[in-house]
């Protein structure tokens, strides 16, 4: 059962990231409530993809009208320490990663990021 839920969530994420896919009626309703604004340009997420992704977030987080870019390897480097300094105690967050084959994957994180030492 968990595996099938993960598969459906992955499929929803893939559908949301397709650049030319039309928005559903539900997605248009979310957009109509409050326009979405990105704090700055992203190498991974376009405004159109963000609008599609927003409709897949838990309902209580969909009303956020401005998404802030907290960390980008292109802008902040690849230090895990810098990642935690910039994202620590912030929630919710959306983690998006683009691999070398230009595939985008991600996760919605409702809890704040914390660094744990072994």
PDB file of N, CA and C in Angstrom:
ATOM      1  N   UNK A   1       0.822  -1.195   0.000  1.00  0.00           N
ATOM      2  CA  UNK A   1       0.000   0.000   0.000  1.00  0.00           C
ATOM      3  C   UNK A   1       0.867   1.260   0.000  1.00  0.00           C
ATOM      4  N   UNK A   2       1.903   1.286   0.802  1.00  0.00           N
ATOM      5  CA  UNK A   2       2.789   2.455   0.842  1.00  0.00           C
ATOM      6  C   UNK A   2       3.447   2.639  -0.512  1.00  0.00           C
ATOM      7  N   UNK A   3       3.864   1.542  -1.122  1.00  0.00           N
ATOM      8  CA  UNK A   3       4.528   1.637  -2.429  1.00  0.00           C
ATOM      9  C   UNK A   3       3.598   2.239  -3.475  1.00  0.00           C
ATOM     10  N   UNK A   4       2.322   1.829  -3.471  1.00  0.00           N
ATOM     11  CA  UNK A   4       1.397   2.379  -4.462  1.00  0.00           C
ATOM     12  C   UNK A   4       1.156   3.862  -4.228  1.00  0.00           C
ATOM     13  N   UNK A   5       1.116   4.300  -2.966  1.00  0.00           N
ATOM     14  CA  UNK A   5       0.967   5.735  -2.685  1.00  0.00           C
ATOM     15  C   UNK A   5       2.185   6.507  -3.164  1.00  0.00           C
ATOM     16  N   UNK A   6       3.361   5.942  -2.965  1.00  0.00           N
ATOM     17  CA  UNK A   6       4.574   6.616  -3.431  1.00  0.00           C
ATOM     18  C   UNK A   6       4.559   6.725  -4.947  1.00  0.00           C
ATOM     19  N   UNK A   7       4.118   5.674  -5.611  1.00  0.00           N
ATOM     20  CA  UNK A   7       4.069   5.699  -7.067  1.00  0.00           C
ATOM     21  C   UNK A   7       3.111   6.777  -7.553  1.00  0.00           C
ATOM     22  N   UNK A   8       1.932   6.874  -6.947  1.00  0.00           N
ATOM     23  CA  UNK A   8       0.977   7.891  -7.381  1.00  0.00           C
ATOM     24  C   UNK A   8       1.506   9.292  -7.099  1.00  0.00           C
ATOM     25  N   UNK A   9       2.216   9.488  -5.984  1.00  0.00           N
ATOM     26  CA  UNK A   9       2.808  10.801  -5.694  1.00  0.00           C
ATOM     27  C   UNK A   9       3.904  11.133  -6.695  1.00  0.00           C
ATOM     28  N   UNK A  10       4.699  10.135  -7.073  1.00  0.00           N
ATOM     29  CA  UNK A  10       5.750  10.363  -8.067  1.00  0.00           C
ATOM     30  C   UNK A  10       5.133  10.719  -9.413  1.00  0.00           C
ATOM     31  N   UNK A  11       4.055  10.040  -9.773  1.00  0.00           N
ATOM     32  CA  UNK A  11       3.391  10.339 -11.034  1.00  0.00           C
ATOM     33  C   UNK A  11       2.816  11.754 -11.007  1.00  0.00           C
ATOM     34  N   UNK A  12       2.239  12.164  -9.878  1.00  0.00           N
ATOM     35  CA  UNK A  12       1.694  13.515  -9.757  1.00  0.00           C
ATOM     36  C   UNK A  12       2.810  14.544  -9.909  1.00  0.00           C
ATOM     37  N   UNK A  13       3.971  14.287  -9.296  1.00  0.00           N
ATOM     38  CA  UNK A  13       5.107  15.205  -9.406  1.00  0.00           C
ATOM     39  C   UNK A  13       5.565  15.292 -10.857  1.00  0.00           C
ATOM     40  N   UNK A  14       5.659  14.147 -11.543  1.00  0.00           N
ATOM     41  CA  UNK A  14       6.085  14.158 -12.938  1.00  0.00           C
ATOM     42  C   UNK A  14       5.095  14.931 -13.805  1.00  0.00           C
ATOM     43  N   UNK A  15       3.794  14.731 -13.579  1.00  0.00           N
ATOM     44  CA  UNK A  15       2.789  15.466 -14.346  1.00  0.00           C
ATOM     45  C   UNK A  15       2.915  16.957 -14.097  1.00  0.00           C
ATOM     46  N   UNK A  16       3.165  17.335 -12.856  1.00  0.00           N
ATOM     47  CA  UNK A  16       3.248  18.752 -12.507  1.00  0.00           C
ATOM     48  C   UNK A  16       4.449  19.432 -13.148  1.00  0.00           C
ATOM     49  N   UNK A  17       5.516  18.678 -13.381  1.00  0.00           N
ATOM     50  CA  UNK A  17       6.726  19.278 -13.926  1.00  0.00           C
ATOM     51  C   UNK A  17       6.748  19.321 -15.455  1.00  0.00           C
ATOM     52  N   UNK A  18       5.771  18.731 -16.113  1.00  0.00           N
ATOM     53  CA  UNK A  18       5.704  18.806 -17.574  1.00  0.00           C
ATOM     54  C   UNK A  18       5.350  20.225 -17.991  1.00  0.00           C
ATOM     55  N   UNK A  19       6.168  20.849 -18.817  1.00  0.00           N
ATOM     56  CA  UNK A  19       5.971  22.268 -19.119  1.00  0.00           C
ATOM     57  C   UNK A  19       4.732  22.597 -19.939  1.00  0.00           C
ATOM     58  N   UNK A  20       4.244  21.710 -20.768  1.00  0.00           N
ATOM     59  CA  UNK A  20       3.144  22.060 -21.669  1.00  0.00           C
ATOM     60  C   UNK A  20       1.808  21.444 -21.282  1.00  0.00           C
ATOM     61  N   UNK A  21       1.719  20.871 -20.101  1.00  0.00           N
ATOM     62  CA  UNK A  21       0.474  20.221 -19.685  1.00  0.00           C
ATOM     63  C   UNK A  21      -0.536  21.282 -19.226  1.00  0.00           C
ATOM     64  N   UNK A  22      -1.766  21.154 -19.685  1.00  0.00           N
ATOM     65  CA  UNK A  22      -2.822  22.089 -19.287  1.00  0.00           C
ATOM     66  C   UNK A  22      -3.162  21.904 -17.812  1.00  0.00           C
ATOM     67  N   UNK A  23      -3.537  22.992 -17.162  1.00  0.00           N
ATOM     68  CA  UNK A  23      -3.919  22.930 -15.760  1.00  0.00           C
ATOM     69  C   UNK A  23      -5.341  22.403 -15.620  1.00  0.00           C
ATOM     70  N   UNK A  24      -5.576  21.590 -14.578  1.00  0.00           N
ATOM     71  CA  UNK A  24      -6.915  21.075 -14.324  1.00  0.00           C
ATOM     72  C   UNK A  24      -7.772  22.172 -13.687  1.00  0.00           C
ATOM     73  N   UNK A  25      -9.086  21.908 -13.581  1.00  0.00           N
ATOM     74  CA  UNK A  25      -9.998  22.872 -12.974  1.00  0.00           C
ATOM     75  C   UNK A  25      -9.610  23.159 -11.525  1.00  0.00           C
ATOM     76  N   UNK A  26      -9.212  22.103 -10.784  1.00  0.00           N
ATOM     77  CA  UNK A  26      -8.796  22.281  -9.389  1.00  0.00           C
ATOM     78  C   UNK A  26      -7.557  23.178  -9.306  1.00  0.00           C
ATOM     79  N   UNK A  27      -6.597  22.967 -10.202  1.00  0.00           N
ATOM     80  CA  UNK A  27      -5.382  23.776 -10.210  1.00  0.00           C
ATOM     81  C   UNK A  27      -5.711  25.232 -10.532  1.00  0.00           C
ATOM     82  N   UNK A  28      -6.637  25.459 -11.434  1.00  0.00           N
ATOM     83  CA  UNK A  28      -7.027  26.821 -11.774  1.00  0.00           C
ATOM     84  C   UNK A  28      -7.696  27.519 -10.589  1.00  0.00           C
ATOM     85  N   UNK A  29      -8.461  26.778  -9.784  1.00  0.00           N
ATOM     86  CA  UNK A  29      -9.094  27.369  -8.609  1.00  0.00           C
ATOM     87  C   UNK A  29      -8.047  27.832  -7.603  1.00  0.00           C
ATOM     88  N   UNK A  30      -7.003  27.014  -7.396  1.00  0.00           N
ATOM     89  CA  UNK A  30      -5.929  27.403  -6.477  1.00  0.00           C
ATOM     90  C   UNK A  30      -5.253  28.663  -6.999  1.00  0.00           C
ATOM     91  N   UNK A  31      -4.979  28.711  -8.304  1.00  0.00           N
ATOM     92  CA  UNK A  31      -4.337  29.887  -8.890  1.00  0.00           C
ATOM     93  C   UNK A  31      -5.204  31.124  -8.740  1.00  0.00           C
ATOM     94  N   UNK A  32      -6.522  30.954  -8.886  1.00  0.00           N
ATOM     95  CA  UNK A  32      -7.423  32.093  -8.834  1.00  0.00           C
ATOM     96  C   UNK A  32      -7.475  32.698  -7.440  1.00  0.00           C
ATOM     97  N   UNK A  33      -7.241  31.883  -6.404  1.00  0.00           N
ATOM     98  CA  UNK A  33      -7.301  32.383  -5.038  1.00  0.00           C
ATOM     99  C   UNK A  33      -6.189  33.398  -4.762  1.00  0.00           C
ATOM    100  N   UNK A  34      -4.987  33.077  -5.123  1.00  0.00           N
ATOM    101  CA  UNK A  34      -3.852  33.967  -4.880  1.00  0.00           C
ATOM    102  C   UNK A  34      -2.768  33.676  -5.904  1.00  0.00           C
ATOM    103  N   UNK A  35      -2.307  34.681  -6.628  1.00  0.00           N
ATOM    104  CA  UNK A  35      -1.246  34.447  -7.621  1.00  0.00           C
ATOM    105  C   UNK A  35       0.038  33.978  -6.927  1.00  0.00           C
ATOM    106  N   UNK A  36       0.780  33.183  -7.619  1.00  0.00           N
ATOM    107  CA  UNK A  36       2.036  32.667  -7.080  1.00  0.00           C
ATOM    108  C   UNK A  36       3.184  33.512  -7.603  1.00  0.00           C
ATOM    109  N   UNK A  37       4.119  33.809  -6.722  1.00  0.00           N
ATOM    110  CA  UNK A  37       5.307  34.590  -7.075  1.00  0.00           C
ATOM    111  C   UNK A  37       6.534  33.847  -6.567  1.00  0.00           C
ATOM    112  N   UNK A  38       7.563  33.744  -7.389  1.00  0.00           N
ATOM    113  CA  UNK A  38       8.839  33.174  -6.969  1.00  0.00           C
ATOM    114  C   UNK A  38       9.766  34.323  -6.584  1.00  0.00           C
ATOM    115  N   UNK A  39      10.501  34.176  -5.484  1.00  0.00           N
ATOM    116  CA  UNK A  39      11.371  35.252  -5.006  1.00  0.00           C
ATOM    117  C   UNK A  39      12.468  35.595  -6.003  1.00  0.00           C
ATOM    118  N   UNK A  40      12.910  34.598  -6.779  1.00  0.00           N
ATOM    119  CA  UNK A  40      13.920  34.817  -7.815  1.00  0.00           C
ATOM    120  C   UNK A  40      13.888  33.650  -8.787  1.00  0.00           C
ATOM    121  N   UNK A  41      14.548  33.804  -9.901  1.00  0.00           N
ATOM    122  CA  UNK A  41      14.571  32.758 -10.925  1.00  0.00           C
ATOM    123  C   UNK A  41      15.290  31.524 -10.390  1.00  0.00           C
ATOM    124  N   UNK A  42      14.844  30.372 -10.835  1.00  0.00           N
ATOM    125  CA  UNK A  42      15.428  29.108 -10.421  1.00  0.00           C
ATOM    126  C   UNK A  42      15.862  28.327 -11.657  1.00  0.00           C
ATOM    127  N   UNK A  43      16.992  27.633 -11.547  1.00  0.00           N
ATOM    128  CA  UNK A  43      17.458  26.787 -12.647  1.00  0.00           C
ATOM    129  C   UNK A  43      16.665  25.488 -12.720  1.00  0.00           C
ATOM    130  N   UNK A  44      15.888  25.192 -11.682  1.00  0.00           N
ATOM    131  CA  UNK A  44      15.156  23.928 -11.600  1.00  0.00           C
ATOM    132  C   UNK A  44      13.653  24.116 -11.758  1.00  0.00           C
ATOM    133  N   UNK A  45      13.103  25.220 -11.268  1.00  0.00           N
ATOM    134  CA  UNK A  45      11.657  25.389 -11.187  1.00  0.00           C
ATOM    135  C   UNK A  45      11.200  26.659 -11.899  1.00  0.00           C
ATOM    136  N   UNK A  46      10.371  26.488 -12.916  1.00  0.00           N
ATOM    137  CA  UNK A  46       9.773  27.647 -13.587  1.00  0.00           C
ATOM    138  C   UNK A  46       8.508  28.049 -12.833  1.00  0.00           C
ATOM    139  N   UNK A  47       8.015  29.229 -13.086  1.00  0.00           N
ATOM    140  CA  UNK A  47       6.777  29.677 -12.452  1.00  0.00           C
ATOM    141  C   UNK A  47       5.617  28.770 -12.848  1.00  0.00           C
ATOM    142  N   UNK A  48       5.550  28.361 -14.107  1.00  0.00           N
ATOM    143  CA  UNK A  48       4.468  27.476 -14.563  1.00  0.00           C
ATOM    144  C   UNK A  48       4.518  26.130 -13.837  1.00  0.00           C
ATOM    145  N   UNK A  49       5.713  25.559 -13.670  1.00  0.00           N
ATOM    146  CA  UNK A  49       5.846  24.289 -12.945  1.00  0.00           C
ATOM    147  C   UNK A  49       5.481  24.470 -11.482  1.00  0.00           C
ATOM    148  N   UNK A  50       5.859  25.611 -10.891  1.00  0.00           N
ATOM    149  CA  UNK A  50       5.513  25.884  -9.491  1.00  0.00           C
ATOM    150  C   UNK A  50       4.001  25.960  -9.320  1.00  0.00           C
ATOM    151  N   UNK A  51       3.326  26.574 -10.258  1.00  0.00           N
ATOM    152  CA  UNK A  51       1.868  26.661 -10.183  1.00  0.00           C
ATOM    153  C   UNK A  51       1.236  25.277 -10.255  1.00  0.00           C
ATOM    154  N   UNK A  52       1.797  24.402 -11.082  1.00  0.00           N
ATOM    155  CA  UNK A  52       1.260  23.043 -11.163  1.00  0.00           C
ATOM    156  C   UNK A  52       1.583  22.252  -9.899  1.00  0.00           C
ATOM    157  N   UNK A  53       2.786  22.422  -9.362  1.00  0.00           N
ATOM    158  CA  UNK A  53       3.171  21.719  -8.134  1.00  0.00           C
ATOM    159  C   UNK A  53       2.301  22.140  -6.951  1.00  0.00           C
ATOM    160  N   UNK A  54       1.958  23.403  -6.882  1.00  0.00           N
ATOM    161  CA  UNK A  54       1.191  23.917  -5.745  1.00  0.00           C
ATOM    162  C   UNK A  54      -0.115  23.153  -5.555  1.00  0.00           C
ATOM    163  N   UNK A  55      -0.731  22.725  -6.639  1.00  0.00           N
ATOM    164  CA  UNK A  55      -2.005  22.011  -6.522  1.00  0.00           C
ATOM    165  C   UNK A  55      -1.835  20.620  -5.904  1.00  0.00           C
ATOM    166  N   UNK A  56      -0.602  20.124  -5.806  1.00  0.00           N
ATOM    167  CA  UNK A  56      -0.340  18.812  -5.222  1.00  0.00           C
ATOM    168  C   UNK A  56       0.128  18.906  -3.768  1.00  0.00           C
ATOM    169  N   UNK A  57       0.288  20.111  -3.262  1.00  0.00           N
ATOM    170  CA  UNK A  57       0.692  20.286  -1.865  1.00  0.00           C
ATOM    171  C   UNK A  57      -0.493  20.052  -0.949  1.00  0.00           C
ATOM    172  N   UNK A  58      -0.235  19.747   0.328  1.00  0.00           N
ATOM    173  CA  UNK A  58      -1.345  19.664   1.283  1.00  0.00           C
ATOM    174  C   UNK A  58      -2.130  20.986   1.278  1.00  0.00           C
ATOM    175  N   UNK A  59      -3.442  20.906   1.433  1.00  0.00           N
ATOM    176  CA  UNK A  59      -4.309  22.077   1.307  1.00  0.00           C
ATOM    177  C   UNK A  59      -3.859  23.258   2.158  1.00  0.00           C
ATOM    178  N   UNK A  60      -3.413  23.019   3.381  1.00  0.00           N
ATOM    179  CA  UNK A  60      -3.070  24.134   4.273  1.00  0.00           C
ATOM    180  C   UNK A  60      -1.853  24.931   3.802  1.00  0.00           C
ATOM    181  N   UNK A  61      -1.080  24.372   2.857  1.00  0.00           N
ATOM    182  CA  UNK A  61       0.113  25.059   2.360  1.00  0.00           C
ATOM    183  C   UNK A  61      -0.078  25.663   0.969  1.00  0.00           C
ATOM    184  N   UNK A  62      -1.228  25.462   0.364  1.00  0.00           N
ATOM    185  CA  UNK A  62      -1.440  25.942  -1.001  1.00  0.00           C
ATOM    186  C   UNK A  62      -1.655  27.444  -1.090  1.00  0.00           C
ATOM    187  N   UNK A  63      -2.038  28.086  -0.008  1.00  0.00           N
ATOM    188  CA  UNK A  63      -2.377  29.504  -0.081  1.00  0.00           C
ATOM    189  C   UNK A  63      -1.160  30.428  -0.048  1.00  0.00           C
ATOM    190  N   UNK A  64       0.026  29.877   0.200  1.00  0.00           N
ATOM    191  CA  UNK A  64       1.231  30.709   0.219  1.00  0.00           C
ATOM    192  C   UNK A  64       1.454  31.289  -1.172  1.00  0.00           C
ATOM    193  N   UNK A  65       1.451  32.603  -1.281  1.00  0.00           N
ATOM    194  CA  UNK A  65       1.540  33.255  -2.577  1.00  0.00           C
ATOM    195  C   UNK A  65       2.948  33.554  -3.045  1.00  0.00           C
ATOM    196  N   UNK A  66       3.932  33.478  -2.130  1.00  0.00           N
ATOM    197  CA  UNK A  66       5.315  33.798  -2.511  1.00  0.00           C
ATOM    198  C   UNK A  66       6.232  32.682  -2.051  1.00  0.00           C
ATOM    199  N   UNK A  67       6.928  32.080  -2.999  1.00  0.00           N
ATOM    200  CA  UNK A  67       7.887  31.033  -2.680  1.00  0.00           C
ATOM    201  C   UNK A  67       9.279  31.644  -2.705  1.00  0.00           C
ATOM    202  N   UNK A  68      10.038  31.389  -1.659  1.00  0.00           N
ATOM    203  CA  UNK A  68      11.379  31.952  -1.522  1.00  0.00           C
ATOM    204  C   UNK A  68      12.431  30.881  -1.800  1.00  0.00           C
ATOM    205  N   UNK A  69      13.377  31.199  -2.668  1.00  0.00           N
ATOM    206  CA  UNK A  69      14.492  30.300  -2.932  1.00  0.00           C
ATOM    207  C   UNK A  69      15.454  30.404  -1.750  1.00  0.00           C
ATOM    208  N   UNK A  70      15.604  29.323  -0.990  1.00  0.00           N
ATOM    209  CA  UNK A  70      16.465  29.333   0.183  1.00  0.00           C
ATOM    210  C   UNK A  70      17.884  28.875  -0.124  1.00  0.00           C
ATOM    211  N   UNK A  71      18.009  27.927  -1.037  1.00  0.00           N
ATOM    212  CA  UNK A  71      19.330  27.370  -1.333  1.00  0.00           C
ATOM    213  C   UNK A  71      19.393  26.923  -2.783  1.00  0.00           C
ATOM    214  N   UNK A  72      20.490  27.238  -3.431  1.00  0.00           N
ATOM    215  CA  UNK A  72      20.765  26.802  -4.792  1.00  0.00           C
ATOM    216  C   UNK A  72      22.257  26.518  -4.889  1.00  0.00           C
ATOM    217  N   UNK A  73      22.623  25.352  -5.406  1.00  0.00           N
ATOM    218  CA  UNK A  73      24.053  25.055  -5.531  1.00  0.00           C
ATOM    219  C   UNK A  73      24.726  26.041  -6.478  1.00  0.00           C
ATOM    220  N   UNK A  74      24.003  26.525  -7.477  1.00  0.00           N
ATOM    221  CA  UNK A  74      24.574  27.502  -8.400  1.00  0.00           C
ATOM    222  C   UNK A  74      24.889  28.832  -7.737  1.00  0.00           C
ATOM    223  N   UNK A  75      24.136  29.171  -6.711  1.00  0.00           N
ATOM    224  CA  UNK A  75      24.311  30.460  -6.030  1.00  0.00           C
ATOM    225  C   UNK A  75      25.061  30.338  -4.699  1.00  0.00           C
ATOM    226  N   UNK A  76      24.850  29.228  -3.978  1.00  0.00           N
ATOM    227  CA  UNK A  76      25.376  29.095  -2.617  1.00  0.00           C
ATOM    228  C   UNK A  76      26.450  28.017  -2.474  1.00  0.00           C
ATOM    229  N   UNK A  77      26.782  27.307  -3.560  1.00  0.00           N
ATOM    230  CA  UNK A  77      27.784  26.248  -3.480  1.00  0.00           C
ATOM    231  C   UNK A  77      27.162  24.919  -3.115  1.00  0.00           C
ATOM    232  N   UNK A  78      28.002  23.938  -2.811  1.00  0.00           N
ATOM    233  CA  UNK A  78      27.498  22.593  -2.534  1.00  0.00           C
ATOM    234  C   UNK A  78      27.777  22.130  -1.111  1.00  0.00           C
ATOM    235  N   UNK A  79      27.964  23.053  -0.196  1.00  0.00           N
ATOM    236  CA  UNK A  79      28.229  22.714   1.198  1.00  0.00           C
ATOM    237  C   UNK A  79      26.930  22.342   1.923  1.00  0.00           C
ATOM    238  N   UNK A  80      26.949  21.183   2.575  1.00  0.00           N
ATOM    239  CA  UNK A  80      25.788  20.758   3.355  1.00  0.00           C
ATOM    240  C   UNK A  80      25.586  21.710   4.538  1.00  0.00           C
ATOM    241  N   UNK A  81      26.674  22.209   5.091  1.00  0.00           N
ATOM    242  CA  UNK A  81      26.574  23.174   6.185  1.00  0.00           C
ATOM    243  C   UNK A  81      25.838  24.439   5.757  1.00  0.00           C
ATOM    244  N   UNK A  82      26.150  24.933   4.575  1.00  0.00           N
ATOM    245  CA  UNK A  82      25.459  26.111   4.048  1.00  0.00           C
ATOM    246  C   UNK A  82      23.986  25.797   3.807  1.00  0.00           C
ATOM    247  N   UNK A  83      23.705  24.591   3.296  1.00  0.00           N
ATOM    248  CA  UNK A  83      22.312  24.182   3.091  1.00  0.00           C
ATOM    249  C   UNK A  83      21.545  24.268   4.419  1.00  0.00           C
ATOM    250  N   UNK A  84      22.096  23.688   5.481  1.00  0.00           N
ATOM    251  CA  UNK A  84      21.403  23.705   6.765  1.00  0.00           C
ATOM    252  C   UNK A  84      21.331  25.106   7.364  1.00  0.00           C
ATOM    253  N   UNK A  85      22.365  25.909   7.177  1.00  0.00           N
ATOM    254  CA  UNK A  85      22.316  27.295   7.673  1.00  0.00           C
ATOM    255  C   UNK A  85      21.207  28.090   6.998  1.00  0.00           C
ATOM    256  N   UNK A  86      21.001  27.851   5.721  1.00  0.00           N
ATOM    257  CA  UNK A  86      19.996  28.622   4.971  1.00  0.00           C
ATOM    258  C   UNK A  86      18.580  28.070   5.114  1.00  0.00           C
ATOM    259  N   UNK A  87      18.454  26.763   5.398  1.00  0.00           N
ATOM    260  CA  UNK A  87      17.127  26.151   5.464  1.00  0.00           C
ATOM    261  C   UNK A  87      16.705  25.760   6.874  1.00  0.00           C
ATOM    262  N   UNK A  88      17.645  25.762   7.812  1.00  0.00           N
ATOM    263  CA  UNK A  88      17.362  25.293   9.158  1.00  0.00           C
ATOM    264  C   UNK A  88      16.177  26.001   9.807  1.00  0.00           C
ATOM    265  N   UNK A  89      15.322  25.207  10.411  1.00  0.00           N
ATOM    266  CA  UNK A  89      14.145  25.677  11.147  1.00  0.00           C
ATOM    267  C   UNK A  89      13.131  26.389  10.255  1.00  0.00           C
ATOM    268  N   UNK A  90      13.232  26.219   8.956  1.00  0.00           N
ATOM    269  CA  UNK A  90      12.243  26.763   8.021  1.00  0.00           C
ATOM    270  C   UNK A  90      11.327  25.636   7.583  1.00  0.00           C
ATOM    271  N   UNK A  91      10.071  25.878   7.601  1.00  0.00           N
ATOM    272  CA  UNK A  91       9.132  24.872   7.099  1.00  0.00           C
ATOM    273  C   UNK A  91       7.829  25.556   6.731  1.00  0.00           C
ATOM    274  N   UNK A  92       7.104  25.001   5.799  1.00  0.00           N
ATOM    275  CA  UNK A  92       7.458  23.843   4.987  1.00  0.00           C
ATOM    276  C   UNK A  92       8.431  24.247   3.886  1.00  0.00           C
ATOM    277  N   UNK A  93       9.101  23.265   3.332  1.00  0.00           N
ATOM    278  CA  UNK A  93      10.008  23.506   2.207  1.00  0.00           C
ATOM    279  C   UNK A  93       9.753  22.485   1.106  1.00  0.00           C
ATOM    280  N   UNK A  94      10.149  22.851  -0.073  1.00  0.00           N
ATOM    281  CA  UNK A  94      10.079  21.968  -1.228  1.00  0.00           C
ATOM    282  C   UNK A  94      11.507  21.780  -1.705  1.00  0.00           C
ATOM    283  N   UNK A  95      11.980  20.549  -1.680  1.00  0.00           N
ATOM    284  CA  UNK A  95      13.332  20.228  -2.112  1.00  0.00           C
ATOM    285  C   UNK A  95      13.258  19.707  -3.540  1.00  0.00           C
ATOM    286  N   UNK A  96      13.925  20.385  -4.455  1.00  0.00           N
ATOM    287  CA  UNK A  96      13.949  19.969  -5.858  1.00  0.00           C
ATOM    288  C   UNK A  96      15.388  19.776  -6.295  1.00  0.00           C
ATOM    289  N   UNK A  97      15.629  18.710  -7.034  1.00  0.00           N
ATOM    290  CA  UNK A  97      16.968  18.371  -7.501  1.00  0.00           C
ATOM    291  C   UNK A  97      16.890  18.064  -8.986  1.00  0.00           C
ATOM    292  N   UNK A  98      17.821  18.616  -9.753  1.00  0.00           N
ATOM    293  CA  UNK A  98      17.925  18.289 -11.180  1.00  0.00           C
ATOM    294  C   UNK A  98      19.221  17.513 -11.374  1.00  0.00           C
ATOM    295  N   UNK A  99      19.117  16.320 -11.974  1.00  0.00           N
ATOM    296  CA  UNK A  99      20.313  15.496 -12.164  1.00  0.00           C
ATOM    297  C   UNK A  99      21.017  15.859 -13.472  1.00  0.00           C
ATOM    298  N   UNK A 100      22.106  15.156 -13.755  1.00  0.00           N
ATOM    299  CA  UNK A 100      22.911  15.459 -14.942  1.00  0.00           C
ATOM    300  C   UNK A 100      22.177  15.165 -16.245  1.00  0.00           C
ATOM    301  N   UNK A 101      21.124  14.358 -16.179  1.00  0.00           N
ATOM    302  CA  UNK A 101      20.322  14.074 -17.366  1.00  0.00           C
ATOM    303  C   UNK A 101      19.104  15.000 -17.441  1.00  0.00           C
ATOM    304  N   UNK A 102      19.116  16.063 -16.651  1.00  0.00           N
ATOM    305  CA  UNK A 102      18.092  17.113 -16.617  1.00  0.00           C
ATOM    306  C   UNK A 102      16.741  16.624 -16.111  1.00  0.00           C
ATOM    307  N   UNK A 103      16.731  15.499 -15.374  1.00  0.00           N
ATOM    308  CA  UNK A 103      15.502  15.016 -14.747  1.00  0.00           C
ATOM    309  C   UNK A 103      15.356  15.723 -13.411  1.00  0.00           C
ATOM    310  N   UNK A 104      14.133  16.118 -13.094  1.00  0.00           N
ATOM    311  CA  UNK A 104      13.864  16.818 -11.835  1.00  0.00           C
ATOM    312  C   UNK A 104      13.103  15.885 -10.914  1.00  0.00           C
ATOM    313  N   UNK A 105      13.535  15.817  -9.669  1.00  0.00           N
ATOM    314  CA  UNK A 105      12.852  15.036  -8.640  1.00  0.00           C
ATOM    315  C   UNK A 105      12.754  15.901  -7.393  1.00  0.00           C
ATOM    316  N   UNK A 106      11.887  15.550  -6.499  1.00  0.00           N
ATOM    317  CA  UNK A 106      11.759  16.398  -5.330  1.00  0.00           C
ATOM    318  C   UNK A 106      10.955  15.785  -4.216  1.00  0.00           C
ATOM    319  N   UNK A 107      10.838  16.563  -3.143  1.00  0.00           N
ATOM    320  CA  UNK A 107      10.095  16.139  -1.960  1.00  0.00           C
ATOM    321  C   UNK A 107       9.517  17.362  -1.268  1.00  0.00           C
ATOM    322  N   UNK A 108       8.325  17.188  -0.713  1.00  0.00           N
ATOM    323  CA  UNK A 108       7.719  18.213   0.120  1.00  0.00           C
ATOM    324  C   UNK A 108       8.074  17.875   1.560  1.00  0.00           C
ATOM    325  N   UNK A 109       8.629  18.832   2.294  1.00  0.00           N
ATOM    326  CA  UNK A 109       9.072  18.599   3.671  1.00  0.00           C
ATOM    327  C   UNK A 109       8.290  19.522   4.598  1.00  0.00           C
ATOM    328  N   UNK A 110       7.396  18.953   5.391  1.00  0.00           N
ATOM    329  CA  UNK A 110       6.569  19.777   6.274  1.00  0.00           C
ATOM    330  C   UNK A 110       7.286  20.133   7.569  1.00  0.00           C
ATOM    331  N   UNK A 111       8.293  19.359   7.948  1.00  0.00           N
ATOM    332  CA  UNK A 111       9.059  19.620   9.173  1.00  0.00           C
ATOM    333  C   UNK A 111      10.301  20.426   8.848  1.00  0.00           C
ATOM    334  N   UNK A 112      10.789  21.207   9.805  1.00  0.00           N
ATOM    335  CA  UNK A 112      12.017  21.985   9.559  1.00  0.00           C
ATOM    336  C   UNK A 112      13.239  21.083   9.395  1.00  0.00           C
ATOM    337  N   UNK A 113      14.219  21.572   8.651  1.00  0.00           N
ATOM    338  CA  UNK A 113      15.466  20.844   8.463  1.00  0.00           C
ATOM    339  C   UNK A 113      16.310  20.974   9.725  1.00  0.00           C
ATOM    340  N   UNK A 114      16.919  19.866  10.111  1.00  0.00           N
ATOM    341  CA  UNK A 114      17.813  19.851  11.273  1.00  0.00           C
ATOM    342  C   UNK A 114      19.036  19.003  10.942  1.00  0.00           C
ATOM    343  N   UNK A 115      20.185  19.387  11.459  1.00  0.00           N
ATOM    344  CA  UNK A 115      21.393  18.590  11.277  1.00  0.00           C
ATOM    345  C   UNK A 115      21.562  17.719  12.520  1.00  0.00           C
ATOM    346  N   UNK A 116      21.748  16.428  12.321  1.00  0.00           N
ATOM    347  CA  UNK A 116      21.963  15.488  13.424  1.00  0.00           C
ATOM    348  C   UNK A 116      23.368  14.934  13.338  1.00  0.00           C
ATOM    349  N   UNK A 117      24.048  14.924  14.461  1.00  0.00           N
ATOM    350  CA  UNK A 117      25.415  14.423  14.504  1.00  0.00           C
ATOM    351  C   UNK A 117      25.424  13.014  15.078  1.00  0.00           C
ATOM    352  N   UNK A 118      26.229  12.145  14.492  1.00  0.00           N
ATOM    353  CA  UNK A 118      26.313  10.750  14.959  1.00  0.00           C
ATOM    354  C   UNK A 118      27.281  10.625  16.105  1.00  0.00           C
TER     355      UNK A 118
END
